[in-house]
């Protein structure tokens, strides 16, 4: 869901700014709701690998605790 939200907001910004899809978007229009949605999606996507790592660690800890009982 995070990745699809990031992709959709990126596509809107690309169409608005005329930048090629692979290029970084440098729009800073503070009155654009899409800018804020894109920045939020980017921030969320940035932390996804961390969430995955934490989830794996918690699962390993839980498995270890269950095996000790």
PDB file of N, CA and C in Angstrom:
ATOM      1  N   UNK A   1       0.821  -1.182   0.000  1.00  0.00           N
ATOM      2  CA  UNK A   1       0.000   0.000   0.000  1.00  0.00           C
ATOM      3  C   UNK A   1       0.879   1.265   0.000  1.00  0.00           C
ATOM      4  N   UNK A   2       1.920   1.263   0.789  1.00  0.00           N
ATOM      5  CA  UNK A   2       2.808   2.425   0.851  1.00  0.00           C
ATOM      6  C   UNK A   2       3.459   2.687  -0.491  1.00  0.00           C
ATOM      7  N   UNK A   3       3.918   1.612  -1.124  1.00  0.00           N
ATOM      8  CA  UNK A   3       4.583   1.762  -2.414  1.00  0.00           C
ATOM      9  C   UNK A   3       3.622   2.263  -3.487  1.00  0.00           C
ATOM     10  N   UNK A   4       2.390   1.773  -3.476  1.00  0.00           N
ATOM     11  CA  UNK A   4       1.429   2.224  -4.482  1.00  0.00           C
ATOM     12  C   UNK A   4       1.037   3.682  -4.250  1.00  0.00           C
ATOM     13  N   UNK A   5       0.941   4.077  -2.989  1.00  0.00           N
ATOM     14  CA  UNK A   5       0.642   5.482  -2.670  1.00  0.00           C
ATOM     15  C   UNK A   5       1.786   6.385  -3.123  1.00  0.00           C
ATOM     16  N   UNK A   6       3.009   5.962  -2.883  1.00  0.00           N
ATOM     17  CA  UNK A   6       4.167   6.729  -3.316  1.00  0.00           C
ATOM     18  C   UNK A   6       4.200   6.850  -4.831  1.00  0.00           C
ATOM     19  N   UNK A   7       3.925   5.748  -5.508  1.00  0.00           N
ATOM     20  CA  UNK A   7       3.932   5.752  -6.976  1.00  0.00           C
ATOM     21  C   UNK A   7       2.854   6.682  -7.523  1.00  0.00           C
ATOM     22  N   UNK A   8       1.662   6.620  -6.975  1.00  0.00           N
ATOM     23  CA  UNK A   8       0.575   7.458  -7.492  1.00  0.00           C
ATOM     24  C   UNK A   8       0.828   8.943  -7.235  1.00  0.00           C
ATOM     25  N   UNK A   9       1.349   9.276  -6.062  1.00  0.00           N
ATOM     26  CA  UNK A   9       1.643  10.688  -5.799  1.00  0.00           C
ATOM     27  C   UNK A   9       2.793  11.170  -6.667  1.00  0.00           C
ATOM     28  N   UNK A  10       3.768  10.304  -6.886  1.00  0.00           N
ATOM     29  CA  UNK A  10       4.900  10.654  -7.750  1.00  0.00           C
ATOM     30  C   UNK A  10       4.420  10.929  -9.176  1.00  0.00           C
ATOM     31  N   UNK A  11       3.515  10.088  -9.671  1.00  0.00           N
ATOM     32  CA  UNK A  11       2.999  10.282 -11.028  1.00  0.00           C
ATOM     33  C   UNK A  11       2.233  11.595 -11.172  1.00  0.00           C
ATOM     34  N   UNK A  12       1.479  11.960 -10.149  1.00  0.00           N
ATOM     35  CA  UNK A  12       0.766  13.239 -10.182  1.00  0.00           C
ATOM     36  C   UNK A  12       1.763  14.393 -10.241  1.00  0.00           C
ATOM     37  N   UNK A  13       2.789  14.326  -9.400  1.00  0.00           N
ATOM     38  CA  UNK A  13       3.793  15.393  -9.370  1.00  0.00           C
ATOM     39  C   UNK A  13       4.581  15.457 -10.679  1.00  0.00           C
ATOM     40  N   UNK A  14       4.882  14.308 -11.253  1.00  0.00           N
ATOM     41  CA  UNK A  14       5.595  14.262 -12.535  1.00  0.00           C
ATOM     42  C   UNK A  14       4.764  14.927 -13.621  1.00  0.00           C
ATOM     43  N   UNK A  15       3.479  14.620 -13.643  1.00  0.00           N
ATOM     44  CA  UNK A  15       2.626  15.208 -14.682  1.00  0.00           C
ATOM     45  C   UNK A  15       2.478  16.717 -14.501  1.00  0.00           C
ATOM     46  N   UNK A  16       2.489  17.163 -13.260  1.00  0.00           N
ATOM     47  CA  UNK A  16       2.336  18.592 -12.990  1.00  0.00           C
ATOM     48  C   UNK A  16       3.612  19.373 -13.321  1.00  0.00           C
ATOM     49  N   UNK A  17       4.763  18.814 -12.938  1.00  0.00           N
ATOM     50  CA  UNK A  17       6.026  19.533 -13.112  1.00  0.00           C
ATOM     51  C   UNK A  17       6.650  19.339 -14.484  1.00  0.00           C
ATOM     52  N   UNK A  18       6.250  18.285 -15.193  1.00  0.00           N
ATOM     53  CA  UNK A  18       6.823  18.014 -16.504  1.00  0.00           C
ATOM     54  C   UNK A  18       8.183  17.349 -16.440  1.00  0.00           C
ATOM     55  N   UNK A  19       8.570  16.889 -15.269  1.00  0.00           N
ATOM     56  CA  UNK A  19       9.844  16.203 -15.074  1.00  0.00           C
ATOM     57  C   UNK A  19       9.696  14.753 -15.538  1.00  0.00           C
ATOM     58  N   UNK A  20      10.775  14.181 -16.051  1.00  0.00           N
ATOM     59  CA  UNK A  20      10.763  12.772 -16.460  1.00  0.00           C
ATOM     60  C   UNK A  20      10.513  11.897 -15.236  1.00  0.00           C
ATOM     61  N   UNK A  21       9.786  10.790 -15.409  1.00  0.00           N
ATOM     62  CA  UNK A  21       9.432   9.937 -14.264  1.00  0.00           C
ATOM     63  C   UNK A  21      10.599   9.456 -13.418  1.00  0.00           C
ATOM     64  N   UNK A  22      11.764   9.272 -13.974  1.00  0.00           N
ATOM     65  CA  UNK A  22      12.900   8.782 -13.197  1.00  0.00           C
ATOM     66  C   UNK A  22      13.686   9.871 -12.489  1.00  0.00           C
ATOM     67  N   UNK A  23      13.371  11.111 -12.758  1.00  0.00           N
ATOM     68  CA  UNK A  23      14.116  12.232 -12.182  1.00  0.00           C
ATOM     69  C   UNK A  23      13.545  12.634 -10.822  1.00  0.00           C
ATOM     70  N   UNK A  24      14.395  13.167  -9.949  1.00  0.00           N
ATOM     71  CA  UNK A  24      13.888  13.650  -8.648  1.00  0.00           C
ATOM     72  C   UNK A  24      12.974  14.860  -8.836  1.00  0.00           C
ATOM     73  N   UNK A  25      11.943  14.918  -8.049  1.00  0.00           N
ATOM     74  CA  UNK A  25      10.992  16.028  -8.131  1.00  0.00           C
ATOM     75  C   UNK A  25      11.429  17.104  -7.154  1.00  0.00           C
ATOM     76  N   UNK A  26      11.615  18.301  -7.656  1.00  0.00           N
ATOM     77  CA  UNK A  26      12.078  19.402  -6.822  1.00  0.00           C
ATOM     78  C   UNK A  26      10.995  20.448  -6.579  1.00  0.00           C
ATOM     79  N   UNK A  27       9.760  20.026  -6.677  1.00  0.00           N
ATOM     80  CA  UNK A  27       8.643  20.937  -6.453  1.00  0.00           C
ATOM     81  C   UNK A  27       8.571  21.304  -4.969  1.00  0.00           C
ATOM     82  N   UNK A  28       8.345  22.565  -4.696  1.00  0.00           N
ATOM     83  CA  UNK A  28       8.191  23.021  -3.312  1.00  0.00           C
ATOM     84  C   UNK A  28       6.984  23.943  -3.183  1.00  0.00           C
ATOM     85  N   UNK A  29       5.951  23.639  -3.931  1.00  0.00           N
ATOM     86  CA  UNK A  29       4.729  24.433  -3.898  1.00  0.00           C
ATOM     87  C   UNK A  29       3.981  24.143  -2.605  1.00  0.00           C
ATOM     88  N   UNK A  30       4.102  25.033  -1.625  1.00  0.00           N
ATOM     89  CA  UNK A  30       3.543  24.770  -0.301  1.00  0.00           C
ATOM     90  C   UNK A  30       2.013  24.771  -0.254  1.00  0.00           C
ATOM     91  N   UNK A  31       1.370  25.197  -1.327  1.00  0.00           N
ATOM     92  CA  UNK A  31      -0.088  25.177  -1.346  1.00  0.00           C
ATOM     93  C   UNK A  31      -0.641  23.960  -2.094  1.00  0.00           C
ATOM     94  N   UNK A  32       0.209  22.990  -2.406  1.00  0.00           N
ATOM     95  CA  UNK A  32      -0.212  21.787  -3.134  1.00  0.00           C
ATOM     96  C   UNK A  32      -0.351  20.613  -2.176  1.00  0.00           C
ATOM     97  N   UNK A  33      -1.536  20.056  -2.103  1.00  0.00           N
ATOM     98  CA  UNK A  33      -1.782  18.912  -1.225  1.00  0.00           C
ATOM     99  C   UNK A  33      -1.001  17.682  -1.679  1.00  0.00           C
ATOM    100  N   UNK A  34      -0.735  17.567  -2.976  1.00  0.00           N
ATOM    101  CA  UNK A  34       0.008  16.423  -3.498  1.00  0.00           C
ATOM    102  C   UNK A  34       1.458  16.435  -3.014  1.00  0.00           C
ATOM    103  N   UNK A  35       2.022  17.603  -2.857  1.00  0.00           N
ATOM    104  CA  UNK A  35       3.387  17.702  -2.332  1.00  0.00           C
ATOM    105  C   UNK A  35       3.444  17.065  -0.947  1.00  0.00           C
ATOM    106  N   UNK A  36       2.504  17.396  -0.093  1.00  0.00           N
ATOM    107  CA  UNK A  36       2.487  16.855   1.258  1.00  0.00           C
ATOM    108  C   UNK A  36       2.200  15.353   1.259  1.00  0.00           C
ATOM    109  N   UNK A  37       1.307  14.919   0.379  1.00  0.00           N
ATOM    110  CA  UNK A  37       1.006  13.489   0.284  1.00  0.00           C
ATOM    111  C   UNK A  37       2.233  12.716  -0.195  1.00  0.00           C
ATOM    112  N   UNK A  38       2.953  13.268  -1.170  1.00  0.00           N
ATOM    113  CA  UNK A  38       4.156  12.621  -1.689  1.00  0.00           C
ATOM    114  C   UNK A  38       5.246  12.571  -0.624  1.00  0.00           C
ATOM    115  N   UNK A  39       5.451  13.666   0.092  1.00  0.00           N
ATOM    116  CA  UNK A  39       6.469  13.702   1.141  1.00  0.00           C
ATOM    117  C   UNK A  39       6.143  12.710   2.262  1.00  0.00           C
ATOM    118  N   UNK A  40       4.876  12.601   2.609  1.00  0.00           N
ATOM    119  CA  UNK A  40       4.463  11.652   3.639  1.00  0.00           C
ATOM    120  C   UNK A  40       4.710  10.217   3.163  1.00  0.00           C
ATOM    121  N   UNK A  41       4.355   9.932   1.911  1.00  0.00           N
ATOM    122  CA  UNK A  41       4.575   8.595   1.358  1.00  0.00           C
ATOM    123  C   UNK A  41       6.070   8.283   1.276  1.00  0.00           C
ATOM    124  N   UNK A  42       6.885   9.260   0.902  1.00  0.00           N
ATOM    125  CA  UNK A  42       8.330   9.067   0.844  1.00  0.00           C
ATOM    126  C   UNK A  42       8.892   8.754   2.233  1.00  0.00           C
ATOM    127  N   UNK A  43       8.442   9.487   3.233  1.00  0.00           N
ATOM    128  CA  UNK A  43       8.923   9.264   4.596  1.00  0.00           C
ATOM    129  C   UNK A  43       8.513   7.883   5.102  1.00  0.00           C
ATOM    130  N   UNK A  44       7.298   7.484   4.813  1.00  0.00           N
ATOM    131  CA  UNK A  44       6.822   6.167   5.233  1.00  0.00           C
ATOM    132  C   UNK A  44       7.608   5.072   4.535  1.00  0.00           C
ATOM    133  N   UNK A  45       7.823   5.220   3.237  1.00  0.00           N
ATOM    134  CA  UNK A  45       8.568   4.217   2.472  1.00  0.00           C
ATOM    135  C   UNK A  45      10.011   4.121   2.953  1.00  0.00           C
ATOM    136  N   UNK A  46      10.558   5.226   3.398  1.00  0.00           N
ATOM    137  CA  UNK A  46      11.937   5.246   3.889  1.00  0.00           C
ATOM    138  C   UNK A  46      12.103   4.366   5.127  1.00  0.00           C
ATOM    139  N   UNK A  47      11.064   4.283   5.951  1.00  0.00           N
ATOM    140  CA  UNK A  47      11.142   3.509   7.185  1.00  0.00           C
ATOM    141  C   UNK A  47      10.681   2.064   7.031  1.00  0.00           C
ATOM    142  N   UNK A  48      10.148   1.681   5.893  1.00  0.00           N
ATOM    143  CA  UNK A  48       9.641   0.320   5.704  1.00  0.00           C
ATOM    144  C   UNK A  48      10.706  -0.752   5.945  1.00  0.00           C
ATOM    145  N   UNK A  49      11.933  -0.607   5.451  1.00  0.00           N
ATOM    146  CA  UNK A  49      12.942  -1.639   5.749  1.00  0.00           C
ATOM    147  C   UNK A  49      13.217  -1.777   7.248  1.00  0.00           C
ATOM    148  N   UNK A  50      13.149  -0.672   7.972  1.00  0.00           N
ATOM    149  CA  UNK A  50      13.358  -0.719   9.417  1.00  0.00           C
ATOM    150  C   UNK A  50      12.238  -1.507  10.081  1.00  0.00           C
ATOM    151  N   UNK A  51      10.986  -1.265   9.649  1.00  0.00           N
ATOM    152  CA  UNK A  51       9.852  -2.010  10.197  1.00  0.00           C
ATOM    153  C   UNK A  51      10.003  -3.500   9.914  1.00  0.00           C
ATOM    154  N   UNK A  52      10.458  -3.825   8.711  1.00  0.00           N
ATOM    155  CA  UNK A  52      10.653  -5.228   8.358  1.00  0.00           C
ATOM    156  C   UNK A  52      11.700  -5.869   9.260  1.00  0.00           C
ATOM    157  N   UNK A  53      12.810  -5.175   9.486  1.00  0.00           N
ATOM    158  CA  UNK A  53      13.869  -5.695  10.353  1.00  0.00           C
ATOM    159  C   UNK A  53      13.375  -5.906  11.772  1.00  0.00           C
ATOM    160  N   UNK A  54      12.624  -4.960  12.291  1.00  0.00           N
ATOM    161  CA  UNK A  54      12.095  -5.072  13.654  1.00  0.00           C
ATOM    162  C   UNK A  54      11.134  -6.251  13.754  1.00  0.00           C
ATOM    163  N   UNK A  55      10.299  -6.415  12.745  1.00  0.00           N
ATOM    164  CA  UNK A  55       9.345  -7.521  12.744  1.00  0.00           C
ATOM    165  C   UNK A  55      10.070  -8.861  12.758  1.00  0.00           C
ATOM    166  N   UNK A  56      11.108  -8.979  11.949  1.00  0.00           N
ATOM    167  CA  UNK A  56      11.887 -10.221  11.910  1.00  0.00           C
ATOM    168  C   UNK A  56      12.545 -10.480  13.261  1.00  0.00           C
ATOM    169  N   UNK A  57      13.123  -9.447  13.857  1.00  0.00           N
ATOM    170  CA  UNK A  57      13.756  -9.608  15.165  1.00  0.00           C
ATOM    171  C   UNK A  57      12.750 -10.033  16.229  1.00  0.00           C
ATOM    172  N   UNK A  58      11.569  -9.432  16.201  1.00  0.00           N
ATOM    173  CA  UNK A  58      10.541  -9.802  17.181  1.00  0.00           C
ATOM    174  C   UNK A  58      10.083 -11.240  16.990  1.00  0.00           C
ATOM    175  N   UNK A  59       9.943 -11.652  15.741  1.00  0.00           N
ATOM    176  CA  UNK A  59       9.541 -13.033  15.474  1.00  0.00           C
ATOM    177  C   UNK A  59      10.609 -14.009  15.948  1.00  0.00           C
ATOM    178  N   UNK A  60      11.879 -13.679  15.720  1.00  0.00           N
ATOM    179  CA  UNK A  60      12.964 -14.544  16.179  1.00  0.00           C
ATOM    180  C   UNK A  60      12.990 -14.615  17.697  1.00  0.00           C
ATOM    181  N   UNK A  61      12.810 -13.479  18.364  1.00  0.00           N
ATOM    182  CA  UNK A  61      12.770 -13.458  19.826  1.00  0.00           C
ATOM    183  C   UNK A  61      11.613 -14.290  20.353  1.00  0.00           C
ATOM    184  N   UNK A  62      10.459 -14.181  19.712  1.00  0.00           N
ATOM    185  CA  UNK A  62       9.289 -14.928  20.148  1.00  0.00           C
ATOM    186  C   UNK A  62       9.514 -16.427  19.952  1.00  0.00           C
ATOM    187  N   UNK A  63      10.098 -16.796  18.800  1.00  0.00           N
ATOM    188  CA  UNK A  63      10.393 -18.209  18.559  1.00  0.00           C
ATOM    189  C   UNK A  63      11.373 -18.746  19.588  1.00  0.00           C
ATOM    190  N   UNK A  64      12.365 -17.932  19.923  1.00  0.00           N
ATOM    191  CA  UNK A  64      13.359 -18.350  20.914  1.00  0.00           C
ATOM    192  C   UNK A  64      12.720 -18.530  22.280  1.00  0.00           C
ATOM    193  N   UNK A  65      11.844 -17.619  22.668  1.00  0.00           N
ATOM    194  CA  UNK A  65      11.172 -17.714  23.960  1.00  0.00           C
ATOM    195  C   UNK A  65      10.261 -18.943  24.007  1.00  0.00           C
ATOM    196  N   UNK A  66       9.583 -19.216  22.915  1.00  0.00           N
ATOM    197  CA  UNK A  66       8.691 -20.383  22.871  1.00  0.00           C
ATOM    198  C   UNK A  66       9.480 -21.681  22.935  1.00  0.00           C
ATOM    199  N   UNK A  67      10.651 -21.711  22.327  1.00  0.00           N
ATOM    200  CA  UNK A  67      11.449 -22.931  22.340  1.00  0.00           C
ATOM    201  C   UNK A  67      12.073 -23.187  23.715  1.00  0.00           C
ATOM    202  N   UNK A  68      12.211 -22.145  24.530  1.00  0.00           N
ATOM    203  CA  UNK A  68      12.794 -22.289  25.857  1.00  0.00           C
ATOM    204  C   UNK A  68      11.770 -22.764  26.888  1.00  0.00           C
ATOM    205  N   UNK A  69      10.511 -22.657  26.550  1.00  0.00           N
ATOM    206  CA  UNK A  69       9.482 -23.061  27.533  1.00  0.00           C
ATOM    207  C   UNK A  69       9.098 -24.505  27.393  1.00  0.00           C
TER     208      UNK A  69
END
